[in-house]
């Protein structure tokens, strides 16, 4: 997780519980947080990630979504971390992302 836990995070308990409830029904659930910049999406994601890591045996992979290149770099880092071999440098981006997913 690229950021430290926010010791001043408060509120949003209902939202965090909703996310936990959704994720508890499936091992590979994806959640998208969306909203205006500065509305707290990153802080909610961080708090959820830190709670999951401390409560259950799970892995948290953080991928930057600020652009395609950052997104692909994040997926490549995941592949390296979990030892997924990448076929070749010529692998198409879509194939690369699909194989890591």
C-alpha atoms as a PDB file:
ATOM      1  CA  UNK A   1       0.000   0.000   0.000  1.00  0.00           C
ATOM      2  CA  UNK A   2       1.735   3.169  -1.133  1.00  0.00           C
ATOM      3  CA  UNK A   3       0.397   5.432   1.604  1.00  0.00           C
ATOM      4  CA  UNK A   4       0.437   5.285   5.392  1.00  0.00           C
ATOM      5  CA  UNK A   5      -2.798   4.766   7.249  1.00  0.00           C
ATOM      6  CA  UNK A   6      -4.582   8.013   8.093  1.00  0.00           C
ATOM      7  CA  UNK A   7      -4.747   8.063  11.884  1.00  0.00           C
ATOM      8  CA  UNK A   8      -7.340  10.865  11.665  1.00  0.00           C
ATOM      9  CA  UNK A   9      -9.744   8.952   9.387  1.00  0.00           C
ATOM     10  CA  UNK A  10     -13.250   9.155  10.825  1.00  0.00           C
ATOM     11  CA  UNK A  11     -16.759   8.467   9.676  1.00  0.00           C
ATOM     12  CA  UNK A  12     -17.729   6.555   6.568  1.00  0.00           C
ATOM     13  CA  UNK A  13     -18.462   3.460   8.701  1.00  0.00           C
ATOM     14  CA  UNK A  14     -21.637   2.696   6.742  1.00  0.00           C
ATOM     15  CA  UNK A  15     -19.759   2.891   3.442  1.00  0.00           C
ATOM     16  CA  UNK A  16     -16.892   0.708   4.697  1.00  0.00           C
ATOM     17  CA  UNK A  17     -19.389  -1.874   6.003  1.00  0.00           C
ATOM     18  CA  UNK A  18     -21.172  -1.877   2.621  1.00  0.00           C
ATOM     19  CA  UNK A  19     -17.887  -2.520   0.829  1.00  0.00           C
ATOM     20  CA  UNK A  20     -17.019  -5.339   3.256  1.00  0.00           C
ATOM     21  CA  UNK A  21     -20.458  -6.893   2.801  1.00  0.00           C
ATOM     22  CA  UNK A  22     -20.146  -6.814  -1.004  1.00  0.00           C
ATOM     23  CA  UNK A  23     -16.635  -8.228  -0.949  1.00  0.00           C
ATOM     24  CA  UNK A  24     -17.493 -11.009   1.496  1.00  0.00           C
ATOM     25  CA  UNK A  25     -19.763 -12.671  -1.076  1.00  0.00           C
ATOM     26  CA  UNK A  26     -17.015 -13.298  -3.623  1.00  0.00           C
ATOM     27  CA  UNK A  27     -13.263 -13.889  -3.495  1.00  0.00           C
ATOM     28  CA  UNK A  28     -12.576 -11.650  -6.487  1.00  0.00           C
ATOM     29  CA  UNK A  29     -14.958  -8.741  -6.155  1.00  0.00           C
ATOM     30  CA  UNK A  30     -13.954  -5.386  -7.584  1.00  0.00           C
ATOM     31  CA  UNK A  31     -15.205  -2.123  -6.179  1.00  0.00           C
ATOM     32  CA  UNK A  32     -14.931   1.232  -7.927  1.00  0.00           C
ATOM     33  CA  UNK A  33     -15.021   4.404  -5.880  1.00  0.00           C
ATOM     34  CA  UNK A  34     -15.944   7.439  -7.923  1.00  0.00           C
ATOM     35  CA  UNK A  35     -16.641  11.044  -7.202  1.00  0.00           C
ATOM     36  CA  UNK A  36     -15.222  14.504  -7.378  1.00  0.00           C
ATOM     37  CA  UNK A  37     -11.570  15.088  -6.613  1.00  0.00           C
ATOM     38  CA  UNK A  38     -11.004  15.677  -2.924  1.00  0.00           C
ATOM     39  CA  UNK A  39     -14.125  13.795  -1.811  1.00  0.00           C
ATOM     40  CA  UNK A  40     -12.132  11.148   0.089  1.00  0.00           C
ATOM     41  CA  UNK A  41     -11.998   8.196  -2.337  1.00  0.00           C
ATOM     42  CA  UNK A  42      -8.345   7.452  -1.635  1.00  0.00           C
ATOM     43  CA  UNK A  43      -8.835   7.718   2.122  1.00  0.00           C
ATOM     44  CA  UNK A  44     -11.775   5.284   1.997  1.00  0.00           C
ATOM     45  CA  UNK A  45      -9.776   2.826  -0.116  1.00  0.00           C
ATOM     46  CA  UNK A  46      -6.791   3.109   2.229  1.00  0.00           C
ATOM     47  CA  UNK A  47      -8.863   2.533   5.344  1.00  0.00           C
ATOM     48  CA  UNK A  48     -10.587  -0.458   3.754  1.00  0.00           C
ATOM     49  CA  UNK A  49      -7.249  -1.929   2.657  1.00  0.00           C
ATOM     50  CA  UNK A  50      -5.667  -1.489   6.074  1.00  0.00           C
ATOM     51  CA  UNK A  51      -8.705  -3.013   7.799  1.00  0.00           C
ATOM     52  CA  UNK A  52      -8.657  -6.029   5.477  1.00  0.00           C
ATOM     53  CA  UNK A  53      -4.955  -6.624   5.908  1.00  0.00           C
ATOM     54  CA  UNK A  54      -5.297  -6.580   9.694  1.00  0.00           C
ATOM     55  CA  UNK A  55      -8.538  -8.593   9.900  1.00  0.00           C
ATOM     56  CA  UNK A  56      -8.190 -11.405   7.376  1.00  0.00           C
ATOM     57  CA  UNK A  57      -5.571 -13.250   5.384  1.00  0.00           C
ATOM     58  CA  UNK A  58      -5.595 -11.293   2.162  1.00  0.00           C
ATOM     59  CA  UNK A  59      -3.412  -9.508  -0.339  1.00  0.00           C
ATOM     60  CA  UNK A  60      -3.809  -5.875  -1.274  1.00  0.00           C
ATOM     61  CA  UNK A  61      -2.448  -4.674  -4.609  1.00  0.00           C
ATOM     62  CA  UNK A  62      -2.540  -0.959  -5.288  1.00  0.00           C
ATOM     63  CA  UNK A  63      -2.544   0.160  -8.912  1.00  0.00           C
ATOM     64  CA  UNK A  64      -2.398   3.812  -9.914  1.00  0.00           C
ATOM     65  CA  UNK A  65      -5.242   4.711 -12.244  1.00  0.00           C
ATOM     66  CA  UNK A  66      -3.957   8.111 -13.316  1.00  0.00           C
ATOM     67  CA  UNK A  67      -3.052   6.912 -16.795  1.00  0.00           C
ATOM     68  CA  UNK A  68      -2.607   3.851 -18.966  1.00  0.00           C
ATOM     69  CA  UNK A  69       1.163   3.652 -18.479  1.00  0.00           C
ATOM     70  CA  UNK A  70       0.915   3.891 -14.680  1.00  0.00           C
ATOM     71  CA  UNK A  71      -1.843   1.276 -14.728  1.00  0.00           C
ATOM     72  CA  UNK A  72       0.243  -1.139 -16.808  1.00  0.00           C
ATOM     73  CA  UNK A  73       3.316  -0.541 -14.625  1.00  0.00           C
ATOM     74  CA  UNK A  74       1.203  -1.436 -11.585  1.00  0.00           C
ATOM     75  CA  UNK A  75       0.009  -4.654 -13.184  1.00  0.00           C
ATOM     76  CA  UNK A  76       3.572  -5.594 -14.138  1.00  0.00           C
ATOM     77  CA  UNK A  77       4.655  -5.028 -10.526  1.00  0.00           C
ATOM     78  CA  UNK A  78       1.864  -7.344  -9.354  1.00  0.00           C
ATOM     79  CA  UNK A  79       2.995  -9.998 -11.844  1.00  0.00           C
ATOM     80  CA  UNK A  80       6.555  -9.748 -10.594  1.00  0.00           C
ATOM     81  CA  UNK A  81       5.460  -9.890  -6.946  1.00  0.00           C
ATOM     82  CA  UNK A  82       3.329 -13.020  -7.372  1.00  0.00           C
ATOM     83  CA  UNK A  83       5.757 -14.524  -9.896  1.00  0.00           C
ATOM     84  CA  UNK A  84       3.521 -14.566 -12.953  1.00  0.00           C
ATOM     85  CA  UNK A  85       5.846 -14.948 -15.931  1.00  0.00           C
ATOM     86  CA  UNK A  86       5.349 -12.354 -18.624  1.00  0.00           C
ATOM     87  CA  UNK A  87       5.524 -14.045 -22.005  1.00  0.00           C
ATOM     88  CA  UNK A  88       7.536 -11.435 -23.873  1.00  0.00           C
ATOM     89  CA  UNK A  89       8.215  -7.763 -24.287  1.00  0.00           C
ATOM     90  CA  UNK A  90       6.058  -7.827 -27.416  1.00  0.00           C
ATOM     91  CA  UNK A  91       2.987  -9.028 -25.525  1.00  0.00           C
ATOM     92  CA  UNK A  92      -0.020  -6.866 -26.330  1.00  0.00           C
ATOM     93  CA  UNK A  93      -1.178  -4.621 -23.488  1.00  0.00           C
ATOM     94  CA  UNK A  94      -4.621  -6.206 -23.367  1.00  0.00           C
ATOM     95  CA  UNK A  95      -3.124  -9.713 -23.241  1.00  0.00           C
ATOM     96  CA  UNK A  96      -0.706  -8.637 -20.497  1.00  0.00           C
ATOM     97  CA  UNK A  97      -3.453  -7.129 -18.343  1.00  0.00           C
ATOM     98  CA  UNK A  98      -5.731 -10.128 -18.907  1.00  0.00           C
ATOM     99  CA  UNK A  99      -3.041 -12.645 -17.938  1.00  0.00           C
ATOM    100  CA  UNK A 100      -2.302 -10.787 -14.704  1.00  0.00           C
ATOM    101  CA  UNK A 101      -5.975 -10.264 -13.883  1.00  0.00           C
END
